[in-house]
Amino acid sequence: MDKARFEELKKKRFEEGLSDEEADELGRLFAEEEGEQYQSTEAFRQEQEAEVAAELEKGQPAEGSVEDEPETAKEEAEARPGPKEDHPAGTREPLWAREEAEEK
């Protein structure tokens, strides 16, 4: 392993960012250092797409697929339960109470 290149890429990723090729190279170097098998993002994406396509052929969306996620932030907010009506969010003490506390 080229330690100098490895350190250069690790530093560059935070300073100016990496190209796809450099990111792939850095991932390979990290995997090599940890003794792990490396899988590029391209191969990972292809694998994920194949799994989603297989699930769709069965007539079911794949687990964690895009279909499970709201399309917009508004839809996501609407999907969350809101605060209870009798306990409004953001309740705080009146301003005059704070001024009295500071005077004491």
Protein backbone atom coordinates (compact mmCIF):
# COMPACT_ATOMS: atom_id res chain seq x y z
CA MET A 1 0.00 0.00 0.00
CA ASP A 2 1.22 3.48 -0.86
CA LYS A 3 1.01 5.20 2.55
CA ALA A 4 1.83 8.65 1.15
CA ARG A 5 -1.00 8.45 -1.40
CA PHE A 6 -3.37 7.12 1.28
CA GLU A 7 -2.61 10.07 3.58
CA GLU A 8 -2.88 12.51 0.67
CA LEU A 9 -6.36 11.24 -0.23
CA LYS A 10 -7.54 11.22 3.39
CA LYS A 11 -6.48 14.86 3.75
CA LYS A 12 -7.87 15.94 0.38
CA ARG A 13 -11.35 14.50 1.05
CA PHE A 14 -11.93 17.11 3.76
CA GLU A 15 -10.20 20.05 2.11
CA GLU A 16 -11.26 20.15 -1.53
CA GLY A 17 -13.13 16.90 -2.03
CA LEU A 18 -12.37 13.86 -4.15
CA SER A 19 -13.22 12.90 -7.69
CA ASP A 20 -15.12 9.65 -8.19
CA GLU A 21 -11.88 7.90 -9.15
CA GLU A 22 -10.06 9.23 -6.08
CA ALA A 23 -12.95 8.25 -3.79
CA ASP A 24 -12.86 4.77 -5.29
CA GLU A 25 -9.10 4.58 -4.75
CA LEU A 26 -9.43 5.77 -1.14
CA GLY A 27 -12.14 3.19 -0.48
CA ARG A 28 -9.90 0.47 -1.87
CA LEU A 29 -7.02 1.64 0.33
CA PHE A 30 -9.22 1.69 3.46
CA ALA A 31 -10.44 -1.83 2.67
CA GLU A 32 -6.88 -3.01 2.10
CA GLU A 33 -5.76 -1.50 5.42
CA GLU A 34 -8.61 -3.22 7.28
CA GLY A 35 -8.16 -6.51 5.43
CA GLU A 36 -11.67 -6.28 4.00
CA GLN A 37 -12.96 -6.98 0.51
CA TYR A 38 -13.66 -3.77 -1.40
CA GLN A 39 -16.85 -3.10 -3.33
CA SER A 40 -17.06 0.09 -5.38
CA THR A 41 -20.08 2.35 -5.15
CA GLU A 42 -20.83 1.52 -8.78
CA ALA A 43 -21.01 -2.21 -8.00
CA PHE A 44 -23.04 -1.51 -4.84
CA ARG A 45 -25.58 0.59 -6.75
CA GLN A 46 -25.93 -2.05 -9.44
CA GLU A 47 -26.51 -4.70 -6.77
CA GLN A 48 -29.15 -2.54 -5.07
CA GLU A 49 -30.92 -1.80 -8.35
CA ALA A 50 -31.01 -5.52 -9.18
CA GLU A 51 -32.55 -6.30 -5.77
CA VAL A 52 -35.20 -3.58 -6.19
CA ALA A 53 -36.01 -4.81 -9.71
CA ALA A 54 -36.37 -8.39 -8.44
CA GLU A 55 -38.73 -7.29 -5.67
CA LEU A 56 -40.80 -5.20 -8.08
CA GLU A 57 -41.15 -8.21 -10.38
CA LYS A 58 -42.65 -10.08 -7.42
CA GLY A 59 -45.10 -7.21 -7.00
CA GLN A 60 -43.67 -5.90 -3.73
CA PRO A 61 -41.52 -2.84 -3.13
CA ALA A 62 -38.07 -3.68 -1.82
CA GLU A 63 -37.40 -3.09 1.85
CA GLY A 64 -36.17 0.48 2.38
CA SER A 65 -36.89 1.38 -1.22
CA VAL A 66 -37.76 4.87 -2.35
CA GLU A 67 -41.46 3.95 -2.32
CA ASP A 68 -41.33 3.75 1.49
CA GLU A 69 -40.11 7.33 1.81
CA PRO A 70 -42.19 10.51 1.51
CA GLU A 71 -41.56 12.44 -1.68
CA THR A 72 -41.26 15.85 -0.08
CA ALA A 73 -40.39 17.39 3.27
CA LYS A 74 -44.01 18.53 3.57
CA GLU A 75 -45.29 14.96 3.20
CA GLU A 76 -42.73 13.78 5.75
CA ALA A 77 -43.87 16.43 8.24
CA GLU A 78 -47.50 15.51 7.68
CA ALA A 79 -46.72 11.84 8.26
CA ARG A 80 -45.34 12.53 11.76
CA PRO A 81 -47.72 12.75 14.69
CA GLY A 82 -48.27 16.32 15.83
CA PRO A 83 -48.20 17.65 19.39
CA LYS A 84 -51.18 16.93 21.61
CA GLU A 85 -53.81 19.63 21.46
CA ASP A 86 -53.69 20.27 25.21
CA HIS A 87 -49.86 20.59 25.22
CA PRO A 88 -48.86 23.02 22.46
CA ALA A 89 -45.27 22.85 21.30
CA GLY A 90 -43.04 25.79 22.14
CA THR A 91 -44.79 26.84 25.34
CA ARG A 92 -42.66 29.14 27.48
CA GLU A 93 -43.07 31.52 30.38
CA PRO A 94 -44.40 35.05 29.78
CA LEU A 95 -41.81 37.78 29.27
CA TRP A 96 -42.97 39.69 32.35
CA ALA A 97 -42.14 36.65 34.52
CA ARG A 98 -38.56 36.69 33.27
CA GLU A 99 -38.22 40.42 34.00
CA GLU A 100 -39.47 39.93 37.58
CA ALA A 101 -36.95 37.14 38.15
CA GLU A 102 -34.09 39.35 36.95
CA GLU A 103 -35.12 42.18 39.30
CA LYS A 104 -34.88 39.96 42.37
